[in-house]
Amino acid sequence: MSNLPDGSSTQQRVGAERIVVVFFVLLMLALSAAQSAAGQQGKSYNVVDFHAAGDGNTAFAATWNATCSDSSSPTMLIPGGRTFLLSEIRLRGPCSSPITVQLDGGIVAPNAIWTTTAANLLTFYSVGNLTVEGSGQIDGNGAIWWACFKQKLLSFSSCNNLLVRNIHLKDSPDKHMTLHRCSQVNVYNVSVTAPGDSPNTDGISMSISDHVYISSCSIQSGDDCVSILSGTTDVNITDNTCGPGHGISVGSLGCDGSTSLVERITVSNCSFSRTMTGVRIKSWQGGKGSANGFLFENLKMNEVQHPIDIDQFYCPPGNCQPQDGAVAISDARFINIQGISSDPEAIKIMCSKSVQCRGIYLDNVNLSCSRHTAQTRATILNAYGTIAGMVKPEVRFLGT
C-alpha cells in the first residue's frame, strides 16, 4: 500500500504554505510602509542647536538653510517653553522637499522702533508645500508702532500648497498675516488678538491669491478680520469668529483709477460681534474692473454697526470728489443672515450711477436694532436685485 499522501492532504499542505507566504509578504509590506512613513517625517532641525539666543535672526537663518536643503521632508523646530527675539527676517525657497515649521515656542519683535521703512517681521518667500503649525505665538509688540503702522507680522509671498494652523498672532504693528501671490492655502484654527482701537491691524489679508480656505479661526483686531484685495479668486471663509474689528471685507478696490478683479468668494457660518461691518464690498470712485460671484450665507450678527454693506463710494479721507466709473459689482447673494445691528441703518448698498450694482440677492435676512425704540432700515442706491423670503429691514431695488 502506498505511503504517498492523498490529494486532500497535499492540497491542505499547499494551502497552508500559501497562507504563510502571503502573511510573510504582507508583513514585509507593512514594515516597508512603516519605514517609509518614518522616513517621510524627515529630520528635525532645532533652532536651539543653531545657538538661537538673544537676537535670533542669525540662528533662525542658519536653521532654515539647513532645513530647506534637506530632501527628507524635514521640520524646523521652534521649541516650546522659550521665546526668541526676531527683527525682519526672510526665509526663502524653493526648498528641496516639503517643510514643516513647528512653532511651539514664542517669537517676539523688539519692543522698540527697529526700522523706519515698511517691513515684515517674518516672511516666507517662494516656499512650496510649506506647513506652519504649533501652539506657539508671534507677538509684534505693536503698540509702539500704531502711530505709523507699516510693519507686518507674518507674511507669505509666492507660497503654494501652504498650511497654517493652530498658531497665535498678537499685537502686530500692521496686518497680522498677509498672503501675496499664494495658491492652495489652508489657514485653520489660527487666533489673532489686538485691541479694537489698534489701527490697520487686519487679521488676514490676501492679494493676487487663489484657492484660499480659512476656517475655525478667531480674529480680534482693530481693522478687517479678513480682507480680500484685488487679483484674488476662489476664497472660502467658514466657521470663524470676528470681533472686535471691521468685519470681513472685499477691497478696497479701484484706488487711483486702477483695475481690480475679485471673483468667487464665499463667507459662511461665521459670527460677528461688535464690529463696524459684517460683510462688506468696498471700492473707490473712478476705478475699473469687476467684483462678482459672492455668497454670504448663514451669518450671525451681534451689535454690528452695518451687517450688510456694499459701498462704491469708499473714501476714508472723507473729501473725495465725485467721479464717473467704478469697479462693477454683481452676483452678490446674502442668505440667512440674522442678528442685531448697533445702528438703525443695518443694510447699506450704495452703488455708482454710472456703473450700477446688479444681481444682488437677499433671502431670509432678519436684522433688528439694539436700540429697542429704533427700527432698522436699508439704504439702497443704484442697485438691481431680487428679494426672496423674509427680509428685514425692507429693501427696494431698482425696477421693483
Protein backbone atom coordinates (compact mmCIF):
# COMPACT_ATOMS: atom_id res chain seq x y z
CA MET A 1 0.00 0.00 0.00
CA SER A 2 1.44 3.44 -0.97
CA ASN A 3 2.64 5.89 1.71
CA LEU A 4 2.15 8.88 -0.58
CA PRO A 5 -0.21 11.50 0.80
CA ASP A 6 -3.63 11.57 -0.73
CA GLY A 7 -4.81 14.57 -2.80
CA SER A 8 -6.69 16.10 0.11
CA SER A 9 -3.59 16.22 2.36
CA THR A 10 -1.45 17.69 -0.40
CA GLN A 11 -3.96 20.44 -1.03
CA GLN A 12 -4.09 21.28 2.69
CA ARG A 13 -0.31 21.48 2.92
CA VAL A 14 -0.04 23.67 -0.19
CA GLY A 15 -2.82 25.90 1.14
CA ALA A 16 -1.03 26.29 4.45
CA GLU A 17 2.23 27.15 2.69
CA ARG A 18 0.45 29.77 0.61
CA ILE A 19 -1.03 31.33 3.75
CA VAL A 20 2.45 31.54 5.29
CA VAL A 21 3.87 33.13 2.14
CA VAL A 22 1.02 35.65 1.90
CA PHE A 23 1.40 36.51 5.60
CA PHE A 24 5.15 36.99 5.16
CA VAL A 25 4.64 39.23 2.13
CA LEU A 26 2.04 41.31 3.96
CA LEU A 27 4.33 41.61 6.97
CA MET A 28 7.22 42.82 4.80
CA LEU A 29 4.94 45.33 3.06
CA ALA A 30 3.72 46.65 6.41
CA LEU A 31 7.28 47.01 7.70
CA SER A 32 8.32 48.73 4.49
CA ALA A 33 5.37 51.15 4.73
CA ALA A 34 6.20 51.93 8.35
CA GLN A 35 9.84 52.57 7.46
CA SER A 36 8.77 54.73 4.54
CA ALA A 37 6.40 56.76 6.74
CA ALA A 38 9.14 57.21 9.31
CA GLY A 39 11.49 58.31 6.58
CA GLN A 40 8.96 60.77 5.24
CA GLN A 41 8.86 62.54 8.60
CA GLY A 42 12.43 63.62 7.94
CA LYS A 43 14.97 65.17 10.22
CA SER A 44 14.15 67.81 12.81
CA TYR A 45 16.30 70.96 12.97
CA ASN A 46 16.01 72.77 16.32
CA VAL A 47 16.83 76.48 16.35
CA VAL A 48 18.42 75.99 19.78
CA ASP A 49 21.02 73.71 18.21
CA PHE A 50 21.96 76.63 15.98
CA HIS A 51 22.54 78.80 19.08
CA ALA A 52 19.31 80.78 18.98
CA ALA A 53 19.51 83.14 21.94
CA GLY A 54 19.10 86.88 22.28
CA ASP A 55 18.89 88.09 18.69
CA GLY A 56 17.56 85.01 16.91
CA ASN A 57 17.91 86.18 13.30
CA THR A 58 21.28 84.53 12.63
CA ALA A 59 20.28 81.22 14.22
CA PHE A 60 16.88 81.17 12.52
CA ALA A 61 18.51 81.83 9.13
CA ALA A 62 21.04 79.04 9.67
CA THR A 63 18.34 76.62 10.82
CA TRP A 64 16.21 77.47 7.82
CA ASN A 65 19.08 76.97 5.36
CA ALA A 66 19.78 73.51 6.77
CA THR A 67 16.10 72.58 6.74
CA CYS A 68 15.43 73.96 3.28
CA SER A 69 18.30 72.00 1.72
CA ASP A 70 17.17 68.67 3.25
CA SER A 71 15.25 66.43 0.83
CA SER A 72 13.61 64.22 3.51
CA SER A 73 10.55 66.40 4.32
CA PRO A 74 12.24 67.92 7.39
CA THR A 75 10.94 70.01 10.28
CA MET A 76 12.28 73.32 11.57
CA LEU A 77 11.54 73.28 15.31
CA ILE A 78 10.97 76.36 17.43
CA PRO A 79 10.65 74.61 20.80
CA GLY A 80 8.09 75.32 23.48
CA GLY A 81 8.99 76.98 26.74
CA ARG A 82 11.26 79.53 25.10
CA THR A 83 10.83 82.92 23.40
CA PHE A 84 13.06 84.14 20.58
CA LEU A 85 13.67 87.75 19.54
CA LEU A 86 13.43 88.42 15.79
CA SER A 87 13.53 91.52 13.63
CA GLU A 88 12.76 91.41 9.89
CA ILE A 89 13.85 88.01 8.63
CA ARG A 90 13.04 86.48 5.23
CA LEU A 91 13.15 82.71 4.82
CA ARG A 92 13.45 81.92 1.12
CA GLY A 93 12.75 78.96 -1.09
CA PRO A 94 12.48 76.97 -3.20
CA CYS A 95 13.41 74.09 -0.92
CA SER A 96 14.40 70.50 -1.65
CA SER A 97 11.21 68.94 -0.25
CA PRO A 98 8.06 69.79 1.73
CA ILE A 99 8.86 71.58 5.01
CA THR A 100 7.11 71.86 8.37
CA VAL A 101 7.83 74.78 10.69
CA GLN A 102 6.79 73.61 14.14
CA LEU A 103 6.15 76.77 16.15
CA ASP A 104 5.66 75.67 19.76
CA GLY A 105 7.66 78.46 21.39
CA GLY A 106 7.32 82.21 21.16
CA ILE A 107 8.62 84.74 18.67
CA VAL A 108 8.66 88.36 19.75
CA ALA A 109 9.56 91.59 17.96
CA PRO A 110 11.83 94.14 19.66
CA ASN A 111 10.00 96.49 21.97
CA ALA A 112 11.50 99.44 20.12
CA ILE A 113 11.30 101.05 16.68
CA TRP A 114 13.61 98.74 14.73
CA THR A 115 13.11 100.13 11.20
CA THR A 116 11.86 103.30 9.58
CA THR A 117 10.68 101.65 6.35
CA ALA A 118 7.83 99.27 5.55
CA ALA A 119 8.80 95.73 6.53
CA ASN A 120 7.61 92.32 7.70
CA LEU A 121 8.81 90.68 10.88
CA LEU A 122 8.81 87.16 9.40
CA THR A 123 8.42 86.41 5.68
CA PHE A 124 8.32 83.08 3.87
CA TYR A 125 9.11 83.67 0.19
CA SER A 126 8.67 81.23 -2.70
CA VAL A 127 8.33 78.15 -0.48
CA GLY A 128 6.11 75.40 -1.87
CA ASN A 129 4.45 72.70 0.24
CA LEU A 130 5.00 74.59 3.49
CA THR A 131 3.26 73.86 6.78
CA VAL A 132 3.45 76.30 9.70
CA GLU A 133 1.80 74.88 12.81
CA GLY A 134 2.08 74.57 16.57
CA SER A 135 0.93 76.00 19.86
CA GLY A 136 3.31 78.96 19.86
CA GLN A 137 2.75 82.69 19.44
CA ILE A 138 4.19 85.54 17.39
CA ASP A 139 3.98 88.83 19.31
CA GLY A 140 4.58 92.00 17.31
CA ASN A 141 4.85 94.38 20.30
CA GLY A 142 2.71 96.58 18.13
CA ALA A 143 1.59 99.34 20.47
CA ILE A 144 4.65 101.49 19.85
CA TRP A 145 4.05 101.26 16.08
CA TRP A 146 0.37 102.10 15.88
CA ALA A 147 1.06 105.76 15.12
CA CYS A 148 2.71 104.72 11.81
CA PHE A 149 1.57 101.09 11.20
CA LYS A 150 3.95 99.95 8.48
CA GLN A 151 5.40 96.71 9.82
CA LYS A 152 3.51 93.44 9.22
CA LEU A 153 3.89 90.38 11.43
CA LEU A 154 3.80 87.20 9.32
CA SER A 155 3.96 87.29 5.53
CA PHE A 156 3.74 84.57 2.88
CA SER A 157 4.74 85.52 -0.66
CA SER A 158 4.62 83.18 -3.67
CA CYS A 159 3.97 80.16 -1.43
CA ASN A 160 1.84 77.40 -2.96
CA ASN A 161 0.27 74.44 -1.13
CA LEU A 162 0.52 76.29 2.18
CA LEU A 163 -0.93 75.12 5.51
CA VAL A 164 -1.01 77.40 8.57
CA ARG A 165 -2.71 76.02 11.68
CA ASN A 166 -3.05 76.36 15.44
CA ILE A 167 -0.65 79.29 15.89
CA HIS A 168 -1.36 82.56 17.72
CA LEU A 169 -0.65 86.05 16.40
CA LYS A 170 -0.71 89.05 18.72
CA ASP A 171 -0.41 92.84 18.53
CA SER A 172 1.04 93.30 15.06
CA PRO A 173 2.24 96.80 14.18
CA ASP A 174 0.15 96.47 10.99
CA LYS A 175 -1.52 93.46 9.33
CA HIS A 176 -1.05 90.20 11.24
CA MET A 177 -0.87 87.74 8.33
CA THR A 178 -0.56 88.52 4.62
CA LEU A 179 -0.84 86.23 1.60
CA HIS A 180 0.53 87.55 -1.70
CA ARG A 181 0.68 85.52 -4.91
CA CYS A 182 -0.16 82.34 -3.00
CA SER A 183 -2.23 79.39 -4.25
CA GLN A 184 -3.87 76.44 -2.49
CA VAL A 185 -3.77 77.88 1.04
CA ASN A 186 -5.39 76.41 4.15
CA VAL A 187 -5.49 78.53 7.32
CA TYR A 188 -7.03 76.60 10.22
CA ASN A 189 -7.59 77.36 13.91
CA VAL A 190 -5.38 80.44 13.96
CA SER A 191 -6.09 83.10 16.59
CA VAL A 192 -5.39 86.79 16.19
CA THR A 193 -5.65 89.27 19.06
CA ALA A 194 -5.17 93.02 19.01
CA PRO A 195 -7.12 95.87 20.65
CA GLY A 196 -10.21 97.08 18.82
CA ASP A 197 -8.70 100.57 18.52
CA SER A 198 -5.33 99.45 17.09
CA PRO A 199 -5.11 100.93 13.57
CA ASN A 200 -4.77 98.84 10.41
CA THR A 201 -4.22 95.58 12.28
CA ASP A 202 -6.11 93.34 9.84
CA GLY A 203 -6.19 89.70 10.87
CA ILE A 204 -5.58 88.02 7.49
CA SER A 205 -5.13 89.97 4.26
CA MET A 206 -4.71 88.44 0.80
CA SER A 207 -3.90 89.76 -2.66
CA ILE A 208 -3.33 88.12 -6.07
CA SER A 209 -4.02 84.74 -4.48
CA ASP A 210 -6.37 81.88 -5.28
CA HIS A 211 -7.98 78.84 -3.67
CA VAL A 212 -7.69 80.12 -0.10
CA TYR A 213 -9.59 78.30 2.66
CA ILE A 214 -9.87 79.94 6.11
CA SER A 215 -11.71 78.02 8.83
CA SER A 216 -12.18 77.81 12.61
CA CYS A 217 -10.20 81.00 13.25
CA SER A 218 -10.80 83.58 15.97
CA ILE A 219 -9.88 87.12 14.97
CA GLN A 220 -9.98 90.19 17.19
CA SER A 221 -8.39 93.27 15.66
CA GLY A 222 -8.62 96.98 15.00
CA ASP A 223 -9.37 96.58 11.29
CA ASP A 224 -10.73 93.93 8.94
CA CYS A 225 -10.81 90.42 10.36
CA VAL A 226 -10.19 89.23 6.80
CA SER A 227 -9.52 91.49 3.82
CA ILE A 228 -9.65 90.25 0.23
CA LEU A 229 -7.79 92.51 -2.18
CA SER A 230 -7.53 92.73 -5.95
CA GLY A 231 -6.44 89.73 -8.00
CA THR A 232 -7.91 87.21 -5.57
CA THR A 233 -10.26 84.40 -6.61
CA ASP A 234 -11.83 81.26 -5.15
CA VAL A 235 -11.84 82.02 -1.42
CA ASN A 236 -13.85 80.11 1.19
CA ILE A 237 -14.13 81.60 4.71
CA THR A 238 -16.15 79.42 7.09
CA ASP A 239 -16.76 78.76 10.79
CA ASN A 240 -14.83 81.80 12.01
CA THR A 241 -15.49 84.38 14.72
CA CYS A 242 -14.81 88.05 14.08
CA GLY A 243 -14.78 90.92 16.54
CA PRO A 244 -13.88 93.45 17.53
CA GLY A 245 -12.80 94.76 14.15
CA HIS A 246 -14.22 95.99 10.87
CA GLY A 247 -15.72 92.71 9.65
CA ILE A 248 -14.86 90.61 6.59
CA SER A 249 -14.18 92.90 3.64
CA VAL A 250 -13.61 92.68 -0.08
CA GLY A 251 -11.38 95.61 -1.01
CA SER A 252 -10.80 98.33 -1.09
CA LEU A 253 -10.78 98.07 -4.89
CA GLY A 254 -10.10 100.52 -7.73
CA CYS A 255 -7.96 103.04 -5.85
CA ASP A 256 -6.46 105.81 -8.03
CA GLY A 257 -8.36 104.60 -11.09
CA SER A 258 -6.79 101.14 -11.01
CA THR A 259 -8.34 97.99 -12.48
CA SER A 260 -9.40 95.35 -9.95
CA LEU A 261 -10.68 91.79 -10.17
CA VAL A 262 -12.16 89.63 -7.40
CA GLU A 263 -14.24 86.51 -8.11
CA ARG A 264 -15.89 83.57 -6.36
CA ILE A 265 -15.82 84.47 -2.67
CA THR A 266 -17.81 82.53 -0.06
CA VAL A 267 -18.28 83.56 3.58
CA SER A 268 -20.41 81.10 5.56
CA ASN A 269 -21.22 80.02 9.10
CA CYS A 270 -19.34 82.93 10.69
CA SER A 271 -20.27 85.08 13.68
CA PHE A 272 -19.57 88.79 14.14
CA SER A 273 -19.59 90.64 17.45
CA ARG A 274 -19.24 94.41 17.96
CA THR A 275 -17.72 95.01 14.53
CA MET A 276 -18.07 98.05 12.29
CA THR A 277 -19.49 95.99 9.42
CA GLY A 278 -20.40 92.36 8.98
CA VAL A 279 -19.66 91.54 5.33
CA ARG A 280 -18.59 94.38 3.08
CA ILE A 281 -17.56 95.10 -0.51
CA LYS A 282 -15.83 98.47 -0.84
CA SER A 283 -14.46 100.29 -3.89
CA TRP A 284 -13.29 103.76 -4.81
CA GLN A 285 -14.93 106.02 -7.37
CA GLY A 286 -13.19 106.07 -10.76
CA GLY A 287 -11.91 102.51 -10.58
CA LYS A 288 -12.28 99.84 -13.25
CA GLY A 289 -12.71 96.07 -13.37
CA SER A 290 -15.18 93.73 -11.72
CA ALA A 291 -16.05 92.01 -8.46
CA ASN A 292 -18.52 89.15 -8.78
CA GLY A 293 -19.59 85.73 -7.57
CA PHE A 294 -20.19 86.33 -3.85
CA LEU A 295 -22.05 84.10 -1.41
CA PHE A 296 -22.58 85.36 2.15
CA GLU A 297 -24.55 82.68 3.98
CA ASN A 298 -25.54 81.59 7.50
CA LEU A 299 -24.06 84.56 9.35
CA LYS A 300 -24.81 85.73 12.90
CA MET A 301 -24.54 89.40 13.87
CA ASN A 302 -24.27 90.77 17.40
CA GLU A 303 -24.07 94.55 17.86
CA VAL A 304 -22.69 95.04 14.34
CA GLN A 305 -22.98 98.60 13.06
CA HIS A 306 -23.78 97.74 9.42
CA PRO A 307 -24.18 93.96 8.94
CA ILE A 308 -24.50 94.21 5.13
CA ASP A 309 -22.50 96.88 3.32
CA ILE A 310 -21.74 97.47 -0.37
CA ASP A 311 -20.00 100.79 -0.90
CA GLN A 312 -18.81 102.09 -4.29
CA PHE A 313 -18.04 105.47 -2.71
CA TYR A 314 -15.31 104.27 -0.32
CA CYS A 315 -13.27 107.28 0.78
CA PRO A 316 -11.59 107.15 4.21
CA PRO A 317 -10.36 110.78 3.98
CA GLY A 318 -13.98 111.85 3.52
CA ASN A 319 -13.30 114.55 0.90
CA CYS A 320 -13.27 112.64 -2.41
CA GLN A 321 -14.66 114.46 -5.46
CA PRO A 322 -17.43 112.76 -7.49
CA GLN A 323 -16.11 110.63 -10.36
CA ASP A 324 -17.65 108.50 -13.09
CA GLY A 325 -16.66 104.87 -13.35
CA ALA A 326 -16.36 102.18 -10.71
CA VAL A 327 -15.44 98.56 -10.20
CA ALA A 328 -18.57 96.70 -11.37
CA ILE A 329 -20.13 94.71 -8.52
CA SER A 330 -22.51 91.87 -9.47
CA ASP A 331 -23.84 88.48 -8.38
CA ALA A 332 -23.72 89.00 -4.61
CA ARG A 333 -26.03 86.74 -2.58
CA PHE A 334 -26.89 87.32 1.08
CA ILE A 335 -28.72 84.31 2.54
CA ASN A 336 -29.82 83.55 6.11
CA ILE A 337 -28.25 86.49 7.91
CA GLN A 338 -29.64 87.02 11.39
CA GLY A 339 -28.95 89.17 14.44
CA ILE A 340 -28.65 92.63 15.87
CA SER A 341 -27.22 95.84 14.44
CA SER A 342 -25.96 98.62 16.65
CA ASP A 343 -27.07 101.24 14.09
CA PRO A 344 -30.57 101.51 12.62
CA GLU A 345 -29.02 101.51 9.13
CA ALA A 346 -28.49 97.76 9.07
CA ILE A 347 -28.18 97.39 5.27
CA LYS A 348 -26.25 99.78 3.02
CA ILE A 349 -25.97 99.14 -0.71
CA MET A 350 -24.56 102.32 -2.24
CA CYS A 351 -23.69 102.00 -5.90
CA SER A 352 -22.47 104.30 -8.66
CA LYS A 353 -24.91 105.85 -11.11
CA SER A 354 -22.52 105.18 -14.00
CA VAL A 355 -21.75 101.54 -13.01
CA GLN A 356 -24.77 100.24 -11.12
CA CYS A 357 -24.69 97.11 -8.96
CA ARG A 358 -26.51 94.13 -10.47
CA GLY A 359 -27.59 90.69 -9.38
CA ILE A 360 -27.89 91.44 -5.66
CA TYR A 361 -29.95 88.73 -3.94
CA LEU A 362 -31.33 88.71 -0.39
CA ASP A 363 -33.10 85.76 1.20
CA ASN A 364 -34.09 85.20 4.85
CA VAL A 365 -32.44 88.27 6.32
CA ASN A 366 -33.63 89.36 9.77
CA LEU A 367 -31.78 92.24 11.43
CA SER A 368 -33.05 94.12 14.50
CA CYS A 369 -31.57 97.18 16.14
CA SER A 370 -30.10 97.05 19.63
CA ARG A 371 -31.82 100.37 20.29
CA HIS A 372 -35.18 98.90 21.13
CA THR A 373 -37.10 102.03 20.18
CA ALA A 374 -35.49 102.20 16.71
CA GLN A 375 -36.48 100.27 13.60
CA THR A 376 -33.78 99.03 11.28
CA ARG A 377 -33.68 100.45 7.77
CA ALA A 378 -31.96 99.82 4.46
CA THR A 379 -30.35 102.45 2.24
CA ILE A 380 -30.22 101.40 -1.41
CA LEU A 381 -28.78 103.48 -4.28
CA ASN A 382 -28.41 102.46 -7.95
CA ALA A 383 -28.72 98.72 -7.36
CA TYR A 384 -30.70 96.00 -9.14
CA GLY A 385 -31.61 92.91 -7.19
CA THR A 386 -34.07 90.26 -6.04
CA ILE A 387 -35.80 89.55 -2.74
CA ALA A 388 -36.79 86.03 -1.65
CA GLY A 389 -38.38 85.02 1.63
CA MET A 390 -38.50 87.41 4.57
CA VAL A 391 -36.08 90.35 4.52
CA LYS A 392 -35.96 92.79 7.43
CA PRO A 393 -35.44 95.71 7.11
CA GLU A 394 -37.39 96.20 3.90
CA VAL A 395 -35.23 96.54 0.79
CA ARG A 396 -36.33 98.09 -2.51
CA PHE A 397 -34.12 97.64 -5.55
CA LEU A 398 -34.33 99.48 -8.86
CA GLY A 399 -37.14 98.13 -11.02
CA THR A 400 -39.12 96.70 -8.11
